[in-house]
Amino acid sequence: MAKEFYTERDIEDMVKRGERSIIVHDDVVLTDLAYEKAKRLGVELIQHDEAPPAAPVRPYINQIKTNPPVHGPAVSAMPSSKLEMIRANVKAAVRAKMGGQVDEALLDRVIDRVAAELGLK
């Protein structure tokens, strides 16, 4: 099957037609500007994995570390309330910096990934 490409202009045209979602799979490619425009205009990108379209796979970042670092002490799991406090503080800082351009779901995934990699979750 041929790949389907979306540009920033395609996203704008979709929104004008009232379309609010795109099913993203291996044969759908969004340019970086199209991806950003979709997020800004509230277009839902329905996909099976967490990686944005055309995002490089970086296994050194995406892997969950199962062993504590050799050079430092082991980090024990953080109580849920402490993690939630950190989550609230991070979200507040990001909102203060970026205003209304925050994708809450993406921000939650980033916080969860970092917490898991640090052994806090």
C-alpha atoms as a PDB file:
ATOM      1  CA  MET A   1       0.000   0.000   0.000  1.00  0.00           C
ATOM      2  CA  ALA A   2       1.249   3.519  -0.788  1.00  0.00           C
ATOM      3  CA  LYS A   3       2.160   5.822   2.059  1.00  0.00           C
ATOM      4  CA  GLU A   4      -0.172   8.696   2.839  1.00  0.00           C
ATOM      5  CA  PHE A   5       1.582  11.962   3.713  1.00  0.00           C
ATOM      6  CA  TYR A   6       0.096  14.839   5.716  1.00  0.00           C
ATOM      7  CA  THR A   7       1.513  18.349   5.729  1.00  0.00           C
ATOM      8  CA  GLU A   8       0.659  21.315   7.934  1.00  0.00           C
ATOM      9  CA  ARG A   9      -1.690  22.555   5.210  1.00  0.00           C
ATOM     10  CA  ASP A  10      -3.463  19.177   5.044  1.00  0.00           C
ATOM     11  CA  ILE A  11      -4.155  19.364   8.795  1.00  0.00           C
ATOM     12  CA  GLU A  12      -5.546  22.909   8.474  1.00  0.00           C
ATOM     13  CA  ASP A  13      -7.812  21.779   5.605  1.00  0.00           C
ATOM     14  CA  MET A  14      -9.030  18.788   7.627  1.00  0.00           C
ATOM     15  CA  VAL A  15     -10.008  21.008  10.548  1.00  0.00           C
ATOM     16  CA  LYS A  16     -11.876  23.366   8.200  1.00  0.00           C
ATOM     17  CA  ARG A  17     -13.850  20.352   6.932  1.00  0.00           C
ATOM     18  CA  GLY A  18     -14.644  19.383  10.526  1.00  0.00           C
ATOM     19  CA  GLU A  19     -12.410  16.308  10.656  1.00  0.00           C
ATOM     20  CA  ARG A  20     -10.843  15.908  14.097  1.00  0.00           C
ATOM     21  CA  SER A  21      -8.854  12.660  13.998  1.00  0.00           C
ATOM     22  CA  ILE A  22      -6.318  10.724  11.953  1.00  0.00           C
ATOM     23  CA  ILE A  23      -5.598   7.025  12.312  1.00  0.00           C
ATOM     24  CA  VAL A  24      -1.806   6.804  12.296  1.00  0.00           C
ATOM     25  CA  HIS A  25      -0.142   3.535  11.209  1.00  0.00           C
ATOM     26  CA  ASP A  26       2.908   2.444   9.231  1.00  0.00           C
ATOM     27  CA  ASP A  27       1.523   3.809   5.951  1.00  0.00           C
ATOM     28  CA  VAL A  28       0.656   7.267   7.338  1.00  0.00           C
ATOM     29  CA  VAL A  29       3.391   9.892   7.613  1.00  0.00           C
ATOM     30  CA  LEU A  30       3.005  13.316   9.215  1.00  0.00           C
ATOM     31  CA  THR A  31       5.624  15.977   8.700  1.00  0.00           C
ATOM     32  CA  ASP A  32       6.980  17.530  11.884  1.00  0.00           C
ATOM     33  CA  LEU A  33       4.984  20.709  11.205  1.00  0.00           C
ATOM     34  CA  ALA A  34       1.823  18.670  10.529  1.00  0.00           C
ATOM     35  CA  TYR A  35       2.268  16.836  13.823  1.00  0.00           C
ATOM     36  CA  GLU A  36       2.689  20.103  15.733  1.00  0.00           C
ATOM     37  CA  LYS A  37      -0.271  21.711  13.917  1.00  0.00           C
ATOM     38  CA  ALA A  38      -2.476  18.701  14.709  1.00  0.00           C
ATOM     39  CA  LYS A  39      -1.622  18.989  18.407  1.00  0.00           C
ATOM     40  CA  ARG A  40      -2.270  22.753  18.422  1.00  0.00           C
ATOM     41  CA  LEU A  41      -5.625  22.409  16.657  1.00  0.00           C
ATOM     42  CA  GLY A  42      -6.776  19.488  18.783  1.00  0.00           C
ATOM     43  CA  VAL A  43      -6.692  16.848  16.051  1.00  0.00           C
ATOM     44  CA  GLU A  44      -6.579  13.427  17.704  1.00  0.00           C
ATOM     45  CA  LEU A  45      -3.822  11.180  16.387  1.00  0.00           C
ATOM     46  CA  ILE A  46      -5.023   7.630  16.947  1.00  0.00           C
ATOM     47  CA  GLN A  47      -2.071   5.252  17.068  1.00  0.00           C
ATOM     48  CA  HIS A  48      -1.099   1.902  18.543  1.00  0.00           C
ATOM     49  CA  ASP A  49       2.149   2.991  20.200  1.00  0.00           C
ATOM     50  CA  GLU A  50       3.456   6.015  22.083  1.00  0.00           C
ATOM     51  CA  ALA A  51       5.974   7.236  19.525  1.00  0.00           C
ATOM     52  CA  PRO A  52       4.925  10.244  17.446  1.00  0.00           C
ATOM     53  CA  PRO A  53       4.980   9.694  13.676  1.00  0.00           C
ATOM     54  CA  ALA A  54       8.495   9.501  12.241  1.00  0.00           C
ATOM     55  CA  ALA A  55      10.011   9.637  15.734  1.00  0.00           C
ATOM     56  CA  PRO A  56      13.386   7.962  15.905  1.00  0.00           C
ATOM     57  CA  VAL A  57      13.484   4.793  17.943  1.00  0.00           C
ATOM     58  CA  ARG A  58      15.972   5.342  20.707  1.00  0.00           C
ATOM     59  CA  PRO A  59      16.251   2.075  22.638  1.00  0.00           C
ATOM     60  CA  TYR A  60      18.654   3.601  25.147  1.00  0.00           C
ATOM     61  CA  ILE A  61      15.829   5.949  26.182  1.00  0.00           C
ATOM     62  CA  ASN A  62      12.826   3.703  25.590  1.00  0.00           C
ATOM     63  CA  GLN A  63      14.126   0.735  27.562  1.00  0.00           C
ATOM     64  CA  ILE A  64      13.004   0.365  31.148  1.00  0.00           C
ATOM     65  CA  LYS A  65      16.057  -0.209  33.279  1.00  0.00           C
ATOM     66  CA  THR A  66      15.626  -3.215  35.514  1.00  0.00           C
ATOM     67  CA  ASN A  67      18.898  -2.951  37.418  1.00  0.00           C
ATOM     68  CA  PRO A  68      19.871  -0.002  39.632  1.00  0.00           C
ATOM     69  CA  PRO A  69      22.971   1.914  38.508  1.00  0.00           C
ATOM     70  CA  VAL A  70      26.224   0.400  39.724  1.00  0.00           C
ATOM     71  CA  HIS A  71      27.728   3.764  40.635  1.00  0.00           C
ATOM     72  CA  GLY A  72      24.935   4.901  42.982  1.00  0.00           C
ATOM     73  CA  PRO A  73      22.583   3.643  45.653  1.00  0.00           C
ATOM     74  CA  ALA A  74      19.477   1.682  44.758  1.00  0.00           C
ATOM     75  CA  VAL A  75      16.344   3.819  44.468  1.00  0.00           C
ATOM     76  CA  SER A  76      13.326   2.375  46.223  1.00  0.00           C
ATOM     77  CA  ALA A  77       9.805   2.807  44.894  1.00  0.00           C
ATOM     78  CA  MET A  78       8.379   6.180  45.808  1.00  0.00           C
ATOM     79  CA  PRO A  79       5.039   6.370  47.611  1.00  0.00           C
ATOM     80  CA  SER A  80       2.220   7.246  45.242  1.00  0.00           C
ATOM     81  CA  SER A  81       1.407  10.510  47.028  1.00  0.00           C
ATOM     82  CA  LYS A  82       5.005  11.744  46.656  1.00  0.00           C
ATOM     83  CA  LEU A  83       5.007  10.826  42.960  1.00  0.00           C
ATOM     84  CA  GLU A  84       1.701  12.641  42.497  1.00  0.00           C
ATOM     85  CA  MET A  85       3.170  15.717  44.180  1.00  0.00           C
ATOM     86  CA  ILE A  86       6.127  15.607  41.783  1.00  0.00           C
ATOM     87  CA  ARG A  87       3.714  15.111  38.854  1.00  0.00           C
ATOM     88  CA  ALA A  88       1.685  18.175  39.909  1.00  0.00           C
ATOM     89  CA  ASN A  89       4.834  20.295  40.262  1.00  0.00           C
ATOM     90  CA  VAL A  90       6.191  19.231  36.866  1.00  0.00           C
ATOM     91  CA  LYS A  91       2.841  19.914  35.180  1.00  0.00           C
ATOM     92  CA  ALA A  92       2.604  23.349  36.801  1.00  0.00           C
ATOM     93  CA  ALA A  93       6.116  24.229  35.646  1.00  0.00           C
ATOM     94  CA  VAL A  94       5.442  23.041  32.077  1.00  0.00           C
ATOM     95  CA  ARG A  95       2.126  24.947  31.907  1.00  0.00           C
ATOM     96  CA  ALA A  96       3.828  28.094  33.223  1.00  0.00           C
ATOM     97  CA  LYS A  97       6.457  27.799  30.498  1.00  0.00           C
ATOM     98  CA  MET A  98       4.241  26.701  27.587  1.00  0.00           C
ATOM     99  CA  GLY A  99       0.810  28.106  28.414  1.00  0.00           C
ATOM    100  CA  GLY A 100      -2.078  26.445  26.586  1.00  0.00           C
ATOM    101  CA  GLN A 101       0.155  24.412  24.269  1.00  0.00           C
ATOM    102  CA  VAL A 102       0.406  21.497  26.705  1.00  0.00           C
ATOM    103  CA  ASP A 103      -0.752  18.038  25.638  1.00  0.00           C
ATOM    104  CA  GLU A 104      -1.809  16.560  28.991  1.00  0.00           C
ATOM    105  CA  ALA A 105      -1.739  12.935  27.832  1.00  0.00           C
ATOM    106  CA  LEU A 106       1.744  13.286  26.362  1.00  0.00           C
ATOM    107  CA  LEU A 107       2.994  15.060  29.477  1.00  0.00           C
ATOM    108  CA  ASP A 108       1.612  12.247  31.674  1.00  0.00           C
ATOM    109  CA  ARG A 109       3.386   9.631  29.529  1.00  0.00           C
ATOM    110  CA  VAL A 110       6.685  11.517  29.744  1.00  0.00           C
ATOM    111  CA  ILE A 111       6.415  11.844  33.527  1.00  0.00           C
ATOM    112  CA  ASP A 112       5.506   8.137  33.875  1.00  0.00           C
ATOM    113  CA  ARG A 113       8.407   7.078  31.644  1.00  0.00           C
ATOM    114  CA  VAL A 114      10.941   9.170  33.575  1.00  0.00           C
ATOM    115  CA  ALA A 115       9.571   7.978  36.932  1.00  0.00           C
ATOM    116  CA  ALA A 116       9.812   4.338  35.788  1.00  0.00           C
ATOM    117  CA  GLU A 117      13.356   4.778  34.476  1.00  0.00           C
ATOM    118  CA  LEU A 118      14.396   6.373  37.767  1.00  0.00           C
ATOM    119  CA  GLY A 119      12.771   3.574  39.746  1.00  0.00           C
ATOM    120  CA  LEU A 120      10.236   5.943  41.296  1.00  0.00           C
ATOM    121  CA  LYS A 121       7.244   4.042  40.025  1.00  0.00           C
END
